[in-house]
Amino acid sequence: MRVEFPHKFQAQRHNAQAVAPASSGRSVKSGRKKTVELTPGQVAFAKKMNIPLERYAKEVAKLDTRSA
């Protein structure tokens, strides 16, 4: 399968875009990660839906903390 579709098995992603999530207004310092890395698909989806990347990254961060 890897021989027939080498583009499907790329070892590294070079097109990821890091975006800092929007602040919630609180200045409480925590040990959480302060940046969220969005995949190219997530960036394209946010742009298509006219959602600011910071807002989309904030929602992605929320989902990550819920699943962790």
PDB file of N, CA and C in Angstrom:
ATOM      1  N   MET A   1       0.824  -1.177   0.000  1.00  0.00           N
ATOM      2  CA  MET A   1       0.000   0.000   0.000  1.00  0.00           C
ATOM      3  C   MET A   1       0.878   1.254   0.000  1.00  0.00           C
ATOM      4  N   ARG A   2       1.925   1.245   0.803  1.00  0.00           N
ATOM      5  CA  ARG A   2       2.830   2.385   0.887  1.00  0.00           C
ATOM      6  C   ARG A   2       3.533   2.630  -0.446  1.00  0.00           C
ATOM      7  N   VAL A   3       3.782   1.568  -1.203  1.00  0.00           N
ATOM      8  CA  VAL A   3       4.451   1.708  -2.500  1.00  0.00           C
ATOM      9  C   VAL A   3       3.516   2.345  -3.518  1.00  0.00           C
ATOM     10  N   GLU A   4       2.240   1.957  -3.483  1.00  0.00           N
ATOM     11  CA  GLU A   4       1.278   2.469  -4.454  1.00  0.00           C
ATOM     12  C   GLU A   4       0.832   3.908  -4.147  1.00  0.00           C
ATOM     13  N   PHE A   5       0.740   4.256  -2.871  1.00  0.00           N
ATOM     14  CA  PHE A   5       0.272   5.582  -2.463  1.00  0.00           C
ATOM     15  C   PHE A   5       1.265   6.245  -1.509  1.00  0.00           C
ATOM     16  N   PRO A   6       2.452   6.592  -1.986  1.00  0.00           N
ATOM     17  CA  PRO A   6       3.446   7.179  -1.074  1.00  0.00           C
ATOM     18  C   PRO A   6       3.029   8.546  -0.544  1.00  0.00           C
ATOM     19  N   HIS A   7       2.223   9.284  -1.282  1.00  0.00           N
ATOM     20  CA  HIS A   7       1.802  10.608  -0.825  1.00  0.00           C
ATOM     21  C   HIS A   7       0.842  10.523   0.362  1.00  0.00           C
ATOM     22  N   LYS A   8       0.219   9.379   0.578  1.00  0.00           N
ATOM     23  CA  LYS A   8      -0.686   9.195   1.712  1.00  0.00           C
ATOM     24  C   LYS A   8       0.070   8.902   3.013  1.00  0.00           C
ATOM     25  N   PHE A   9       1.346   8.550   2.906  1.00  0.00           N
ATOM     26  CA  PHE A   9       2.130   8.146   4.068  1.00  0.00           C
ATOM     27  C   PHE A   9       3.307   9.081   4.303  1.00  0.00           C
ATOM     28  N   GLN A  10       3.069  10.373   4.261  1.00  0.00           N
ATOM     29  CA  GLN A  10       4.151  11.324   4.502  1.00  0.00           C
ATOM     30  C   GLN A  10       4.545  11.273   5.974  1.00  0.00           C
ATOM     31  N   ALA A  11       5.835  11.305   6.231  1.00  0.00           N
ATOM     32  CA  ALA A  11       6.337  11.171   7.597  1.00  0.00           C
ATOM     33  C   ALA A  11       6.112  12.445   8.408  1.00  0.00           C
ATOM     34  N   GLN A  12       6.258  13.614   7.788  1.00  0.00           N
ATOM     35  CA  GLN A  12       6.139  14.866   8.525  1.00  0.00           C
ATOM     36  C   GLN A  12       5.173  15.804   7.817  1.00  0.00           C
ATOM     37  N   ARG A  13       4.493  16.615   8.618  1.00  0.00           N
ATOM     38  CA  ARG A  13       3.621  17.642   8.050  1.00  0.00           C
ATOM     39  C   ARG A  13       4.350  18.972   8.132  1.00  0.00           C
ATOM     40  N   HIS A  14       4.484  19.616   7.014  1.00  0.00           N
ATOM     41  CA  HIS A  14       5.193  20.891   6.969  1.00  0.00           C
ATOM     42  C   HIS A  14       4.243  22.081   6.905  1.00  0.00           C
ATOM     43  N   ASN A  15       2.952  21.832   6.672  1.00  0.00           N
ATOM     44  CA  ASN A  15       2.022  22.924   6.434  1.00  0.00           C
ATOM     45  C   ASN A  15       1.186  23.304   7.653  1.00  0.00           C
ATOM     46  N   ALA A  16       1.521  22.815   8.834  1.00  0.00           N
ATOM     47  CA  ALA A  16       0.736  23.153  10.018  1.00  0.00           C
ATOM     48  C   ALA A  16       1.002  24.599  10.429  1.00  0.00           C
ATOM     49  N   GLN A  17      -0.044  25.238  10.903  1.00  0.00           N
ATOM     50  CA  GLN A  17       0.069  26.641  11.284  1.00  0.00           C
ATOM     51  C   GLN A  17      -0.253  26.765  12.764  1.00  0.00           C
ATOM     52  N   ALA A  18       0.637  27.366  13.530  1.00  0.00           N
ATOM     53  CA  ALA A  18       0.434  27.545  14.963  1.00  0.00           C
ATOM     54  C   ALA A  18      -0.268  28.873  15.214  1.00  0.00           C
ATOM     55  N   VAL A  19      -1.325  28.812  16.024  1.00  0.00           N
ATOM     56  CA  VAL A  19      -2.105  30.003  16.339  1.00  0.00           C
ATOM     57  C   VAL A  19      -2.317  30.039  17.837  1.00  0.00           C
ATOM     58  N   ALA A  20      -2.116  31.185  18.450  1.00  0.00           N
ATOM     59  CA  ALA A  20      -2.363  31.330  19.884  1.00  0.00           C
ATOM     60  C   ALA A  20      -3.858  31.490  20.104  1.00  0.00           C
ATOM     61  N   PRO A  21      -4.434  30.750  21.050  1.00  0.00           N
ATOM     62  CA  PRO A  21      -5.869  30.890  21.299  1.00  0.00           C
ATOM     63  C   PRO A  21      -6.195  32.251  21.897  1.00  0.00           C
ATOM     64  N   ALA A  22      -7.398  32.698  21.645  1.00  0.00           N
ATOM     65  CA  ALA A  22      -7.823  33.999  22.172  1.00  0.00           C
ATOM     66  C   ALA A  22      -7.944  33.940  23.683  1.00  0.00           C
ATOM     67  N   SER A  23      -7.628  35.008  24.330  1.00  0.00           N
ATOM     68  CA  SER A  23      -7.677  35.085  25.788  1.00  0.00           C
ATOM     69  C   SER A  23      -9.121  35.148  26.259  1.00  0.00           C
ATOM     70  N   SER A  24      -9.393  34.550  27.407  1.00  0.00           N
ATOM     71  CA  SER A  24     -10.747  34.564  27.953  1.00  0.00           C
ATOM     72  C   SER A  24     -10.955  35.742  28.899  1.00  0.00           C
ATOM     73  N   GLY A  25      -9.958  36.605  29.047  1.00  0.00           N
ATOM     74  CA  GLY A  25     -10.084  37.768  29.904  1.00  0.00           C
ATOM     75  C   GLY A  25      -9.513  37.536  31.293  1.00  0.00           C
ATOM     76  N   ARG A  26      -9.236  36.313  31.626  1.00  0.00           N
ATOM     77  CA  ARG A  26      -8.649  36.001  32.935  1.00  0.00           C
ATOM     78  C   ARG A  26      -7.140  35.993  32.817  1.00  0.00           C
ATOM     79  N   SER A  27      -6.487  36.410  33.867  1.00  0.00           N
ATOM     80  CA  SER A  27      -5.024  36.425  33.833  1.00  0.00           C
ATOM     81  C   SER A  27      -4.449  35.353  34.755  1.00  0.00           C
ATOM     82  N   VAL A  28      -5.190  34.279  34.938  1.00  0.00           N
ATOM     83  CA  VAL A  28      -4.725  33.186  35.792  1.00  0.00           C
ATOM     84  C   VAL A  28      -3.698  32.387  35.013  1.00  0.00           C
ATOM     85  N   LYS A  29      -2.569  32.177  35.614  1.00  0.00           N
ATOM     86  CA  LYS A  29      -1.505  31.448  34.953  1.00  0.00           C
ATOM     87  C   LYS A  29      -1.671  29.955  35.230  1.00  0.00           C
ATOM     88  N   SER A  30      -1.593  29.164  34.202  1.00  0.00           N
ATOM     89  CA  SER A  30      -1.721  27.724  34.386  1.00  0.00           C
ATOM     90  C   SER A  30      -0.626  27.025  33.597  1.00  0.00           C
ATOM     91  N   GLY A  31      -0.536  25.735  33.763  1.00  0.00           N
ATOM     92  CA  GLY A  31       0.493  24.964  33.082  1.00  0.00           C
ATOM     93  C   GLY A  31       0.061  24.482  31.713  1.00  0.00           C
ATOM     94  N   ARG A  32      -1.030  25.019  31.198  1.00  0.00           N
ATOM     95  CA  ARG A  32      -1.524  24.574  29.896  1.00  0.00           C
ATOM     96  C   ARG A  32      -0.687  25.135  28.754  1.00  0.00           C
ATOM     97  N   LYS A  33      -0.771  24.434  27.641  1.00  0.00           N
ATOM     98  CA  LYS A  33      -0.083  24.868  26.438  1.00  0.00           C
ATOM     99  C   LYS A  33      -0.737  26.144  25.922  1.00  0.00           C
ATOM    100  N   LYS A  34       0.066  27.108  25.498  1.00  0.00           N
ATOM    101  CA  LYS A  34      -0.464  28.400  25.095  1.00  0.00           C
ATOM    102  C   LYS A  34      -0.681  28.525  23.589  1.00  0.00           C
ATOM    103  N   THR A  35      -0.228  27.569  22.808  1.00  0.00           N
ATOM    104  CA  THR A  35      -0.463  27.620  21.369  1.00  0.00           C
ATOM    105  C   THR A  35      -1.162  26.347  20.917  1.00  0.00           C
ATOM    106  N   VAL A  36      -1.892  26.480  19.850  1.00  0.00           N
ATOM    107  CA  VAL A  36      -2.605  25.356  19.250  1.00  0.00           C
ATOM    108  C   VAL A  36      -2.121  25.240  17.818  1.00  0.00           C
ATOM    109  N   GLU A  37      -1.773  24.053  17.404  1.00  0.00           N
ATOM    110  CA  GLU A  37      -1.317  23.855  16.036  1.00  0.00           C
ATOM    111  C   GLU A  37      -2.487  23.363  15.200  1.00  0.00           C
ATOM    112  N   LEU A  38      -2.856  24.154  14.210  1.00  0.00           N
ATOM    113  CA  LEU A  38      -3.957  23.802  13.324  1.00  0.00           C
ATOM    114  C   LEU A  38      -3.411  23.132  12.070  1.00  0.00           C
ATOM    115  N   THR A  39      -4.098  22.090  11.644  1.00  0.00           N
ATOM    116  CA  THR A  39      -3.693  21.411  10.416  1.00  0.00           C
ATOM    117  C   THR A  39      -4.133  22.261   9.222  1.00  0.00           C
ATOM    118  N   PRO A  40      -3.565  22.006   8.060  1.00  0.00           N
ATOM    119  CA  PRO A  40      -4.000  22.767   6.870  1.00  0.00           C
ATOM    120  C   PRO A  40      -5.494  22.608   6.593  1.00  0.00           C
ATOM    121  N   GLY A  41      -6.046  21.447   6.888  1.00  0.00           N
ATOM    122  CA  GLY A  41      -7.480  21.225   6.707  1.00  0.00           C
ATOM    123  C   GLY A  41      -8.308  22.084   7.648  1.00  0.00           C
ATOM    124  N   GLN A  42      -7.851  22.216   8.893  1.00  0.00           N
ATOM    125  CA  GLN A  42      -8.556  23.058   9.854  1.00  0.00           C
ATOM    126  C   GLN A  42      -8.487  24.526   9.458  1.00  0.00           C
ATOM    127  N   VAL A  43      -7.333  24.959   8.962  1.00  0.00           N
ATOM    128  CA  VAL A  43      -7.174  26.345   8.511  1.00  0.00           C
ATOM    129  C   VAL A  43      -8.093  26.607   7.325  1.00  0.00           C
ATOM    130  N   ALA A  44      -8.137  25.673   6.382  1.00  0.00           N
ATOM    131  CA  ALA A  44      -8.990  25.834   5.206  1.00  0.00           C
ATOM    132  C   ALA A  44     -10.466  25.881   5.603  1.00  0.00           C
ATOM    133  N   PHE A  45     -10.858  25.022   6.551  1.00  0.00           N
ATOM    134  CA  PHE A  45     -12.246  24.998   7.009  1.00  0.00           C
ATOM    135  C   PHE A  45     -12.614  26.322   7.671  1.00  0.00           C
ATOM    136  N   ALA A  46     -11.746  26.818   8.541  1.00  0.00           N
ATOM    137  CA  ALA A  46     -12.021  28.081   9.234  1.00  0.00           C
ATOM    138  C   ALA A  46     -12.152  29.231   8.235  1.00  0.00           C
ATOM    139  N   LYS A  47     -11.277  29.257   7.242  1.00  0.00           N
ATOM    140  CA  LYS A  47     -11.347  30.322   6.235  1.00  0.00           C
ATOM    141  C   LYS A  47     -12.616  30.207   5.406  1.00  0.00           C
ATOM    142  N   LYS A  48     -13.005  28.969   5.053  1.00  0.00           N
ATOM    143  CA  LYS A  48     -14.203  28.758   4.246  1.00  0.00           C
ATOM    144  C   LYS A  48     -15.457  29.194   4.998  1.00  0.00           C
ATOM    145  N   MET A  49     -15.466  28.980   6.314  1.00  0.00           N
ATOM    146  CA  MET A  49     -16.615  29.348   7.132  1.00  0.00           C
ATOM    147  C   MET A  49     -16.525  30.773   7.679  1.00  0.00           C
ATOM    148  N   ASN A  50     -15.490  31.516   7.272  1.00  0.00           N
ATOM    149  CA  ASN A  50     -15.267  32.903   7.719  1.00  0.00           C
ATOM    150  C   ASN A  50     -15.152  33.008   9.242  1.00  0.00           C
ATOM    151  N   ILE A  51     -14.446  32.060   9.854  1.00  0.00           N
ATOM    152  CA  ILE A  51     -14.196  32.063  11.294  1.00  0.00           C
ATOM    153  C   ILE A  51     -12.764  32.541  11.501  1.00  0.00           C
ATOM    154  N   PRO A  52     -12.531  33.531  12.360  1.00  0.00           N
ATOM    155  CA  PRO A  52     -11.158  33.968  12.634  1.00  0.00           C
ATOM    156  C   PRO A  52     -10.341  32.793  13.200  1.00  0.00           C
ATOM    157  N   LEU A  53      -9.082  32.687  12.783  1.00  0.00           N
ATOM    158  CA  LEU A  53      -8.245  31.564  13.212  1.00  0.00           C
ATOM    159  C   LEU A  53      -8.074  31.529  14.722  1.00  0.00           C
ATOM    160  N   GLU A  54      -8.005  32.681  15.363  1.00  0.00           N
ATOM    161  CA  GLU A  54      -7.845  32.719  16.817  1.00  0.00           C
ATOM    162  C   GLU A  54      -9.060  32.110  17.517  1.00  0.00           C
ATOM    163  N   ARG A  55     -10.240  32.427  17.012  1.00  0.00           N
ATOM    164  CA  ARG A  55     -11.471  31.894  17.609  1.00  0.00           C
ATOM    165  C   ARG A  55     -11.564  30.382  17.383  1.00  0.00           C
ATOM    166  N   TYR A  56     -11.231  29.944  16.180  1.00  0.00           N
ATOM    167  CA  TYR A  56     -11.260  28.513  15.873  1.00  0.00           C
ATOM    168  C   TYR A  56     -10.242  27.771  16.736  1.00  0.00           C
ATOM    169  N   ALA A  57      -9.063  28.365  16.916  1.00  0.00           N
ATOM    170  CA  ALA A  57      -8.031  27.737  17.743  1.00  0.00           C
ATOM    171  C   ALA A  57      -8.493  27.639  19.192  1.00  0.00           C
ATOM    172  N   LYS A  58      -9.224  28.629  19.667  1.00  0.00           N
ATOM    173  CA  LYS A  58      -9.741  28.594  21.036  1.00  0.00           C
ATOM    174  C   LYS A  58     -10.697  27.418  21.209  1.00  0.00           C
ATOM    175  N   GLU A  59     -11.551  27.193  20.228  1.00  0.00           N
ATOM    176  CA  GLU A  59     -12.504  26.078  20.296  1.00  0.00           C
ATOM    177  C   GLU A  59     -11.780  24.732  20.207  1.00  0.00           C
ATOM    178  N   VAL A  60     -10.757  24.657  19.370  1.00  0.00           N
ATOM    179  CA  VAL A  60      -9.970  23.428  19.265  1.00  0.00           C
ATOM    180  C   VAL A  60      -9.280  23.143  20.594  1.00  0.00           C
ATOM    181  N   ALA A  61      -8.770  24.184  21.242  1.00  0.00           N
ATOM    182  CA  ALA A  61      -8.112  24.022  22.541  1.00  0.00           C
ATOM    183  C   ALA A  61      -9.112  23.522  23.581  1.00  0.00           C
ATOM    184  N   LYS A  62     -10.341  24.043  23.547  1.00  0.00           N
ATOM    185  CA  LYS A  62     -11.376  23.587  24.477  1.00  0.00           C
ATOM    186  C   LYS A  62     -11.652  22.100  24.293  1.00  0.00           C
ATOM    187  N   LEU A  63     -11.775  21.685  23.040  1.00  0.00           N
ATOM    188  CA  LEU A  63     -12.044  20.275  22.762  1.00  0.00           C
ATOM    189  C   LEU A  63     -10.888  19.391  23.204  1.00  0.00           C
ATOM    190  N   ASP A  64      -9.656  19.879  23.036  1.00  0.00           N
ATOM    191  CA  ASP A  64      -8.483  19.107  23.469  1.00  0.00           C
ATOM    192  C   ASP A  64      -8.462  18.929  24.975  1.00  0.00           C
ATOM    193  N   THR A  65      -8.836  19.969  25.714  1.00  0.00           N
ATOM    194  CA  THR A  65      -8.803  19.860  27.173  1.00  0.00           C
ATOM    195  C   THR A  65      -9.934  18.953  27.675  1.00  0.00           C
ATOM    196  N   ARG A  66     -11.048  18.931  26.981  1.00  0.00           N
ATOM    197  CA  ARG A  66     -12.149  18.040  27.376  1.00  0.00           C
ATOM    198  C   ARG A  66     -11.798  16.577  27.166  1.00  0.00           C
ATOM    199  N   SER A  67     -11.096  16.295  26.064  1.00  0.00           N
ATOM    200  CA  SER A  67     -10.773  14.900  25.748  1.00  0.00           C
ATOM    201  C   SER A  67      -9.571  14.397  26.533  1.00  0.00           C
ATOM    202  N   ALA A  68      -8.789  15.302  27.103  1.00  0.00           N
ATOM    203  CA  ALA A  68      -7.591  14.884  27.851  1.00  0.00           C
ATOM    204  C   ALA A  68      -7.880  14.408  29.246  1.00  0.00           C
TER     205      ALA A  68
END
